[in-house]
Structures are given as C-alpha cells and as structure tokens.
Amino acid sequence: MSKTENYDFEPLSLGSTGAIVLMVQKTLNSIGYELDSNGVFDEHMDEVVRNFQEHREILPLDGVVGVETMLELDRLFSLPH
C-alpha cells in the first residue's frame, strides 16, 4: 500500500481559500518562500508552489498542493529548524 492511499486530503489550487491554504502559506514562509498569509490561493502562491515542487522534484509541476506536495511540506516542517 502506498503512503498516500490513506491520506484524506482535498487538493488545493488556484482559487482555493481557507484555513488549510493559510497553513500551507505559513509553512512555505517558514522554509524561505515569501507569500502573503491571507488564506487565498492566488497566482503568486501558484508560482511559489510550482517553484517548491520543482526544487523538491515533486511531479507533476502543476502548482496544485496535492497529497505528495502536502506530505513533503509536512516532512520539511517537521524537521528541526
């Protein structure tokens, strides 16, 4: 069984809003990306997510915070800073 099969998660993409988007923004900010922490997945966040995916070699490079991208963010955020 893959590590993502039991992960219940609604992907985030351009136009998404809410607390989960805000959490992702804060996480990306904490690891060196620059985003407004406003809970809105806008064009700039799409670009930042694509850059993160490219840097971490997460495919596809689609700007969507899907399961693989979220797991990598969680892994990085869990590391000691």
PDB file of N, CA and C in Angstrom:
ATOM      1  N   MET A   1       0.845  -1.186   0.000  1.00  0.00           N
ATOM      2  CA  MET A   1       0.000   0.000   0.000  1.00  0.00           C
ATOM      3  C   MET A   1       0.886   1.244   0.000  1.00  0.00           C
ATOM      4  N   SER A   2       0.581   2.173  -0.846  1.00  0.00           N
ATOM      5  CA  SER A   2       1.362   3.408  -0.939  1.00  0.00           C
ATOM      6  C   SER A   2       1.083   4.291   0.270  1.00  0.00           C
ATOM      7  N   LYS A   3       2.038   5.173   0.563  1.00  0.00           N
ATOM      8  CA  LYS A   3       1.890   6.055   1.725  1.00  0.00           C
ATOM      9  C   LYS A   3       0.766   7.063   1.549  1.00  0.00           C
ATOM     10  N   THR A   4       0.266   7.232   0.315  1.00  0.00           N
ATOM     11  CA  THR A   4      -0.768   8.236   0.074  1.00  0.00           C
ATOM     12  C   THR A   4      -2.172   7.653   0.030  1.00  0.00           C
ATOM     13  N   GLU A   5      -2.310   6.337   0.026  1.00  0.00           N
ATOM     14  CA  GLU A   5      -3.635   5.741  -0.137  1.00  0.00           C
ATOM     15  C   GLU A   5      -4.590   6.068   1.003  1.00  0.00           C
ATOM     16  N   ASN A   6      -4.089   6.231   2.209  1.00  0.00           N
ATOM     17  CA  ASN A   6      -4.955   6.503   3.355  1.00  0.00           C
ATOM     18  C   ASN A   6      -4.962   7.975   3.747  1.00  0.00           C
ATOM     19  N   TYR A   7      -4.466   8.830   2.901  1.00  0.00           N
ATOM     20  CA  TYR A   7      -4.370  10.255   3.199  1.00  0.00           C
ATOM     21  C   TYR A   7      -5.606  10.945   2.647  1.00  0.00           C
ATOM     22  N   ASP A   8      -6.519  11.366   3.528  1.00  0.00           N
ATOM     23  CA  ASP A   8      -7.755  12.026   3.121  1.00  0.00           C
ATOM     24  C   ASP A   8      -7.487  13.521   3.005  1.00  0.00           C
ATOM     25  N   PHE A   9      -7.404  14.000   1.755  1.00  0.00           N
ATOM     26  CA  PHE A   9      -6.997  15.379   1.548  1.00  0.00           C
ATOM     27  C   PHE A   9      -7.606  15.899   0.255  1.00  0.00           C
ATOM     28  N   GLU A  10      -8.179  17.084   0.320  1.00  0.00           N
ATOM     29  CA  GLU A  10      -8.718  17.760  -0.866  1.00  0.00           C
ATOM     30  C   GLU A  10      -7.619  18.659  -1.429  1.00  0.00           C
ATOM     31  N   PRO A  11      -7.166  18.405  -2.672  1.00  0.00           N
ATOM     32  CA  PRO A  11      -6.089  19.225  -3.238  1.00  0.00           C
ATOM     33  C   PRO A  11      -6.434  20.716  -3.242  1.00  0.00           C
ATOM     34  N   LEU A  12      -5.406  21.530  -3.072  1.00  0.00           N
ATOM     35  CA  LEU A  12      -5.548  22.983  -3.084  1.00  0.00           C
ATOM     36  C   LEU A  12      -4.970  23.518  -4.383  1.00  0.00           C
ATOM     37  N   SER A  13      -5.673  24.466  -4.979  1.00  0.00           N
ATOM     38  CA  SER A  13      -5.193  25.051  -6.233  1.00  0.00           C
ATOM     39  C   SER A  13      -5.710  26.477  -6.349  1.00  0.00           C
ATOM     40  N   LEU A  14      -5.333  27.118  -7.445  1.00  0.00           N
ATOM     41  CA  LEU A  14      -5.723  28.491  -7.710  1.00  0.00           C
ATOM     42  C   LEU A  14      -7.209  28.690  -7.408  1.00  0.00           C
ATOM     43  N   GLY A  15      -7.511  29.654  -6.548  1.00  0.00           N
ATOM     44  CA  GLY A  15      -8.889  29.948  -6.174  1.00  0.00           C
ATOM     45  C   GLY A  15      -9.325  29.334  -4.856  1.00  0.00           C
ATOM     46  N   SER A  16      -8.561  28.357  -4.339  1.00  0.00           N
ATOM     47  CA  SER A  16      -8.897  27.760  -3.044  1.00  0.00           C
ATOM     48  C   SER A  16      -8.722  28.804  -1.945  1.00  0.00           C
ATOM     49  N   THR A  17      -9.518  28.682  -0.896  1.00  0.00           N
ATOM     50  CA  THR A  17      -9.419  29.590   0.244  1.00  0.00           C
ATOM     51  C   THR A  17      -9.621  28.808   1.530  1.00  0.00           C
ATOM     52  N   GLY A  18      -9.196  29.395   2.634  1.00  0.00           N
ATOM     53  CA  GLY A  18      -9.499  28.807   3.923  1.00  0.00           C
ATOM     54  C   GLY A  18      -8.287  28.527   4.790  1.00  0.00           C
ATOM     55  N   ALA A  19      -8.560  27.852   5.899  1.00  0.00           N
ATOM     56  CA  ALA A  19      -7.550  27.599   6.922  1.00  0.00           C
ATOM     57  C   ALA A  19      -6.414  26.717   6.424  1.00  0.00           C
ATOM     58  N   ILE A  20      -6.711  25.745   5.579  1.00  0.00           N
ATOM     59  CA  ILE A  20      -5.653  24.853   5.081  1.00  0.00           C
ATOM     60  C   ILE A  20      -4.711  25.638   4.167  1.00  0.00           C
ATOM     61  N   VAL A  21      -5.274  26.509   3.327  1.00  0.00           N
ATOM     62  CA  VAL A  21      -4.437  27.354   2.462  1.00  0.00           C
ATOM     63  C   VAL A  21      -3.536  28.223   3.337  1.00  0.00           C
ATOM     64  N   LEU A  22      -4.095  28.800   4.375  1.00  0.00           N
ATOM     65  CA  LEU A  22      -3.320  29.632   5.295  1.00  0.00           C
ATOM     66  C   LEU A  22      -2.188  28.827   5.933  1.00  0.00           C
ATOM     67  N   MET A  23      -2.468  27.604   6.344  1.00  0.00           N
ATOM     68  CA  MET A  23      -1.451  26.743   6.944  1.00  0.00           C
ATOM     69  C   MET A  23      -0.318  26.478   5.947  1.00  0.00           C
ATOM     70  N   VAL A  24      -0.667  26.197   4.686  1.00  0.00           N
ATOM     71  CA  VAL A  24       0.346  25.950   3.655  1.00  0.00           C
ATOM     72  C   VAL A  24       1.171  27.216   3.424  1.00  0.00           C
ATOM     73  N   GLN A  25       0.518  28.363   3.380  1.00  0.00           N
ATOM     74  CA  GLN A  25       1.244  29.629   3.203  1.00  0.00           C
ATOM     75  C   GLN A  25       2.248  29.837   4.334  1.00  0.00           C
ATOM     76  N   LYS A  26       1.819  29.619   5.559  1.00  0.00           N
ATOM     77  CA  LYS A  26       2.708  29.803   6.708  1.00  0.00           C
ATOM     78  C   LYS A  26       3.861  28.806   6.675  1.00  0.00           C
ATOM     79  N   THR A  27       3.573  27.578   6.250  1.00  0.00           N
ATOM     80  CA  THR A  27       4.619  26.563   6.147  1.00  0.00           C
ATOM     81  C   THR A  27       5.642  26.955   5.092  1.00  0.00           C
ATOM     82  N   LEU A  28       5.170  27.368   3.916  1.00  0.00           N
ATOM     83  CA  LEU A  28       6.088  27.799   2.857  1.00  0.00           C
ATOM     84  C   LEU A  28       6.914  29.004   3.309  1.00  0.00           C
ATOM     85  N   ASN A  29       6.290  29.941   4.006  1.00  0.00           N
ATOM     86  CA  ASN A  29       7.025  31.097   4.531  1.00  0.00           C
ATOM     87  C   ASN A  29       8.109  30.656   5.516  1.00  0.00           C
ATOM     88  N   SER A  30       7.804  29.664   6.342  1.00  0.00           N
ATOM     89  CA  SER A  30       8.754  29.220   7.365  1.00  0.00           C
ATOM     90  C   SER A  30       9.979  28.538   6.770  1.00  0.00           C
ATOM     91  N   ILE A  31       9.873  28.066   5.521  1.00  0.00           N
ATOM     92  CA  ILE A  31      11.021  27.409   4.888  1.00  0.00           C
ATOM     93  C   ILE A  31      11.657  28.288   3.811  1.00  0.00           C
ATOM     94  N   GLY A  32      11.318  29.592   3.829  1.00  0.00           N
ATOM     95  CA  GLY A  32      12.040  30.534   2.999  1.00  0.00           C
ATOM     96  C   GLY A  32      11.324  31.126   1.803  1.00  0.00           C
ATOM     97  N   TYR A  33      10.114  30.698   1.535  1.00  0.00           N
ATOM     98  CA  TYR A  33       9.351  31.297   0.440  1.00  0.00           C
ATOM     99  C   TYR A  33       8.624  32.525   0.977  1.00  0.00           C
ATOM    100  N   GLU A  34       8.253  33.434   0.089  1.00  0.00           N
ATOM    101  CA  GLU A  34       7.582  34.659   0.525  1.00  0.00           C
ATOM    102  C   GLU A  34       6.173  34.720  -0.044  1.00  0.00           C
ATOM    103  N   LEU A  35       5.215  34.607   0.857  1.00  0.00           N
ATOM    104  CA  LEU A  35       3.796  34.645   0.493  1.00  0.00           C
ATOM    105  C   LEU A  35       3.038  35.499   1.487  1.00  0.00           C
ATOM    106  N   ASP A  36       1.957  36.117   1.032  1.00  0.00           N
ATOM    107  CA  ASP A  36       1.018  36.731   1.965  1.00  0.00           C
ATOM    108  C   ASP A  36       0.311  35.601   2.696  1.00  0.00           C
ATOM    109  N   SER A  37       0.169  35.721   3.991  1.00  0.00           N
ATOM    110  CA  SER A  37      -0.575  34.734   4.777  1.00  0.00           C
ATOM    111  C   SER A  37      -2.001  35.235   4.923  1.00  0.00           C
ATOM    112  N   ASN A  38      -2.802  34.986   3.880  1.00  0.00           N
ATOM    113  CA  ASN A  38      -4.169  35.502   3.856  1.00  0.00           C
ATOM    114  C   ASN A  38      -5.222  34.428   3.589  1.00  0.00           C
ATOM    115  N   GLY A  39      -4.805  33.170   3.437  1.00  0.00           N
ATOM    116  CA  GLY A  39      -5.757  32.091   3.218  1.00  0.00           C
ATOM    117  C   GLY A  39      -6.335  32.032   1.821  1.00  0.00           C
ATOM    118  N   VAL A  40      -5.734  32.768   0.872  1.00  0.00           N
ATOM    119  CA  VAL A  40      -6.225  32.790  -0.509  1.00  0.00           C
ATOM    120  C   VAL A  40      -5.135  32.245  -1.430  1.00  0.00           C
ATOM    121  N   PHE A  41      -5.467  31.212  -2.189  1.00  0.00           N
ATOM    122  CA  PHE A  41      -4.532  30.611  -3.147  1.00  0.00           C
ATOM    123  C   PHE A  41      -4.617  31.422  -4.438  1.00  0.00           C
ATOM    124  N   ASP A  42      -3.704  32.392  -4.565  1.00  0.00           N
ATOM    125  CA  ASP A  42      -3.720  33.298  -5.716  1.00  0.00           C
ATOM    126  C   ASP A  42      -2.624  32.923  -6.716  1.00  0.00           C
ATOM    127  N   GLU A  43      -2.442  33.768  -7.734  1.00  0.00           N
ATOM    128  CA  GLU A  43      -1.464  33.493  -8.785  1.00  0.00           C
ATOM    129  C   GLU A  43      -0.042  33.406  -8.228  1.00  0.00           C
ATOM    130  N   HIS A  44       0.283  34.263  -7.267  1.00  0.00           N
ATOM    131  CA  HIS A  44       1.629  34.231  -6.683  1.00  0.00           C
ATOM    132  C   HIS A  44       1.855  32.922  -5.934  1.00  0.00           C
ATOM    133  N   MET A  45       0.861  32.459  -5.200  1.00  0.00           N
ATOM    134  CA  MET A  45       1.004  31.190  -4.488  1.00  0.00           C
ATOM    135  C   MET A  45       1.166  30.045  -5.475  1.00  0.00           C
ATOM    136  N   ASP A  46       0.446  30.081  -6.581  1.00  0.00           N
ATOM    137  CA  ASP A  46       0.583  29.055  -7.618  1.00  0.00           C
ATOM    138  C   ASP A  46       2.036  28.996  -8.095  1.00  0.00           C
ATOM    139  N   GLU A  47       2.631  30.152  -8.341  1.00  0.00           N
ATOM    140  CA  GLU A  47       4.028  30.226  -8.788  1.00  0.00           C
ATOM    141  C   GLU A  47       4.978  29.685  -7.719  1.00  0.00           C
ATOM    142  N   VAL A  48       4.743  30.049  -6.466  1.00  0.00           N
ATOM    143  CA  VAL A  48       5.585  29.581  -5.363  1.00  0.00           C
ATOM    144  C   VAL A  48       5.475  28.067  -5.219  1.00  0.00           C
ATOM    145  N   VAL A  49       4.266  27.530  -5.311  1.00  0.00           N
ATOM    146  CA  VAL A  49       4.079  26.080  -5.196  1.00  0.00           C
ATOM    147  C   VAL A  49       4.810  25.369  -6.335  1.00  0.00           C
ATOM    148  N   ARG A  50       4.721  25.900  -7.548  1.00  0.00           N
ATOM    149  CA  ARG A  50       5.454  25.306  -8.681  1.00  0.00           C
ATOM    150  C   ARG A  50       6.966  25.326  -8.426  1.00  0.00           C
ATOM    151  N   ASN A  51       7.479  26.430  -7.892  1.00  0.00           N
ATOM    152  CA  ASN A  51       8.908  26.512  -7.562  1.00  0.00           C
ATOM    153  C   ASN A  51       9.281  25.487  -6.498  1.00  0.00           C
ATOM    154  N   PHE A  52       8.446  25.353  -5.479  1.00  0.00           N
ATOM    155  CA  PHE A  52       8.675  24.362  -4.428  1.00  0.00           C
ATOM    156  C   PHE A  52       8.682  22.958  -5.028  1.00  0.00           C
ATOM    157  N   GLN A  53       7.697  22.661  -5.869  1.00  0.00           N
ATOM    158  CA  GLN A  53       7.622  21.338  -6.493  1.00  0.00           C
ATOM    159  C   GLN A  53       8.867  21.060  -7.340  1.00  0.00           C
ATOM    160  N   GLU A  54       9.307  22.051  -8.090  1.00  0.00           N
ATOM    161  CA  GLU A  54      10.497  21.872  -8.923  1.00  0.00           C
ATOM    162  C   GLU A  54      11.728  21.632  -8.048  1.00  0.00           C
ATOM    163  N   HIS A  55      11.883  22.427  -7.002  1.00  0.00           N
ATOM    164  CA  HIS A  55      13.035  22.303  -6.106  1.00  0.00           C
ATOM    165  C   HIS A  55      13.055  20.957  -5.400  1.00  0.00           C
ATOM    166  N   ARG A  56      11.896  20.456  -5.008  1.00  0.00           N
ATOM    167  CA  ARG A  56      11.796  19.187  -4.270  1.00  0.00           C
ATOM    168  C   ARG A  56      11.570  17.990  -5.194  1.00  0.00           C
ATOM    169  N   GLU A  57      11.554  18.241  -6.518  1.00  0.00           N
ATOM    170  CA  GLU A  57      11.361  17.193  -7.532  1.00  0.00           C
ATOM    171  C   GLU A  57      10.050  16.432  -7.328  1.00  0.00           C
ATOM    172  N   ILE A  58       8.992  17.190  -7.127  1.00  0.00           N
ATOM    173  CA  ILE A  58       7.647  16.627  -6.984  1.00  0.00           C
ATOM    174  C   ILE A  58       6.944  16.795  -8.320  1.00  0.00           C
ATOM    175  N   LEU A  59       6.509  15.699  -8.894  1.00  0.00           N
ATOM    176  CA  LEU A  59       5.817  15.748 -10.182  1.00  0.00           C
ATOM    177  C   LEU A  59       4.354  15.414  -9.991  1.00  0.00           C
ATOM    178  N   PRO A  60       3.466  15.970 -10.800  1.00  0.00           N
ATOM    179  CA  PRO A  60       3.751  16.957 -11.832  1.00  0.00           C
ATOM    180  C   PRO A  60       3.981  18.339 -11.226  1.00  0.00           C
ATOM    181  N   LEU A  61       4.670  19.175 -11.981  1.00  0.00           N
ATOM    182  CA  LEU A  61       4.880  20.574 -11.590  1.00  0.00           C
ATOM    183  C   LEU A  61       3.645  21.352 -12.013  1.00  0.00           C
ATOM    184  N   ASP A  62       2.589  21.237 -11.221  1.00  0.00           N
ATOM    185  CA  ASP A  62       1.298  21.784 -11.642  1.00  0.00           C
ATOM    186  C   ASP A  62       0.779  22.918 -10.768  1.00  0.00           C
ATOM    187  N   GLY A  63       1.494  23.256  -9.702  1.00  0.00           N
ATOM    188  CA  GLY A  63       1.032  24.317  -8.822  1.00  0.00           C
ATOM    189  C   GLY A  63      -0.090  23.901  -7.891  1.00  0.00           C
ATOM    190  N   VAL A  64      -0.456  22.630  -7.926  1.00  0.00           N
ATOM    191  CA  VAL A  64      -1.520  22.107  -7.065  1.00  0.00           C
ATOM    192  C   VAL A  64      -0.881  21.495  -5.822  1.00  0.00           C
ATOM    193  N   VAL A  65      -1.408  21.848  -4.663  1.00  0.00           N
ATOM    194  CA  VAL A  65      -0.952  21.220  -3.428  1.00  0.00           C
ATOM    195  C   VAL A  65      -1.795  19.964  -3.249  1.00  0.00           C
ATOM    196  N   GLY A  66      -1.294  18.889  -3.857  1.00  0.00           N
ATOM    197  CA  GLY A  66      -1.925  17.582  -3.732  1.00  0.00           C
ATOM    198  C   GLY A  66      -1.264  16.807  -2.609  1.00  0.00           C
ATOM    199  N   VAL A  67      -1.547  15.525  -2.556  1.00  0.00           N
ATOM    200  CA  VAL A  67      -1.053  14.694  -1.464  1.00  0.00           C
ATOM    201  C   VAL A  67       0.472  14.696  -1.388  1.00  0.00           C
ATOM    202  N   GLU A  68       1.158  14.471  -2.509  1.00  0.00           N
ATOM    203  CA  GLU A  68       2.626  14.402  -2.480  1.00  0.00           C
ATOM    204  C   GLU A  68       3.247  15.725  -2.029  1.00  0.00           C
ATOM    205  N   THR A  69       2.721  16.826  -2.536  1.00  0.00           N
ATOM    206  CA  THR A  69       3.240  18.139  -2.144  1.00  0.00           C
ATOM    207  C   THR A  69       2.978  18.391  -0.663  1.00  0.00           C
ATOM    208  N   MET A  70       1.784  18.057  -0.186  1.00  0.00           N
ATOM    209  CA  MET A  70       1.454  18.262   1.223  1.00  0.00           C
ATOM    210  C   MET A  70       2.323  17.389   2.126  1.00  0.00           C
ATOM    211  N   LEU A  71       2.563  16.148   1.722  1.00  0.00           N
ATOM    212  CA  LEU A  71       3.419  15.274   2.525  1.00  0.00           C
ATOM    213  C   LEU A  71       4.843  15.824   2.614  1.00  0.00           C
ATOM    214  N   GLU A  72       5.349  16.371   1.515  1.00  0.00           N
ATOM    215  CA  GLU A  72       6.698  16.952   1.532  1.00  0.00           C
ATOM    216  C   GLU A  72       6.738  18.200   2.406  1.00  0.00           C
ATOM    217  N   LEU A  73       5.721  19.040   2.332  1.00  0.00           N
ATOM    218  CA  LEU A  73       5.653  20.213   3.207  1.00  0.00           C
ATOM    219  C   LEU A  73       5.621  19.784   4.671  1.00  0.00           C
ATOM    220  N   ASP A  74       4.830  18.773   4.959  1.00  0.00           N
ATOM    221  CA  ASP A  74       4.721  18.272   6.327  1.00  0.00           C
ATOM    222  C   ASP A  74       6.063  17.721   6.803  1.00  0.00           C
ATOM    223  N   ARG A  75       6.734  16.984   5.928  1.00  0.00           N
ATOM    224  CA  ARG A  75       8.033  16.416   6.278  1.00  0.00           C
ATOM    225  C   ARG A  75       9.042  17.527   6.576  1.00  0.00           C
ATOM    226  N   LEU A  76       9.102  18.533   5.719  1.00  0.00           N
ATOM    227  CA  LEU A  76      10.050  19.627   5.918  1.00  0.00           C
ATOM    228  C   LEU A  76       9.724  20.442   7.163  1.00  0.00           C
ATOM    229  N   PHE A  77       8.447  20.685   7.397  1.00  0.00           N
ATOM    230  CA  PHE A  77       8.046  21.489   8.544  1.00  0.00           C
ATOM    231  C   PHE A  77       8.318  20.756   9.855  1.00  0.00           C
ATOM    232  N   SER A  78       8.321  19.426   9.801  1.00  0.00           N
ATOM    233  CA  SER A  78       8.548  18.616  10.997  1.00  0.00           C
ATOM    234  C   SER A  78      10.020  18.534  11.381  1.00  0.00           C
ATOM    235  N   LEU A  79      10.915  18.901  10.446  1.00  0.00           N
ATOM    236  CA  LEU A  79      12.344  18.860  10.737  1.00  0.00           C
ATOM    237  C   LEU A  79      12.715  20.002  11.674  1.00  0.00           C
ATOM    238  N   PRO A  80      13.714  19.783  12.538  1.00  0.00           N
ATOM    239  CA  PRO A  80      14.172  20.882  13.400  1.00  0.00           C
ATOM    240  C   PRO A  80      14.702  22.036  12.556  1.00  0.00           C
ATOM    241  N   HIS A  81      14.377  23.264  12.928  1.00  0.00           N
ATOM    242  CA  HIS A  81      14.827  24.450  12.180  1.00  0.00           C
ATOM    243  C   HIS A  81      16.039  25.055  12.835  1.00  0.00           C
TER     244      HIS A  81
END
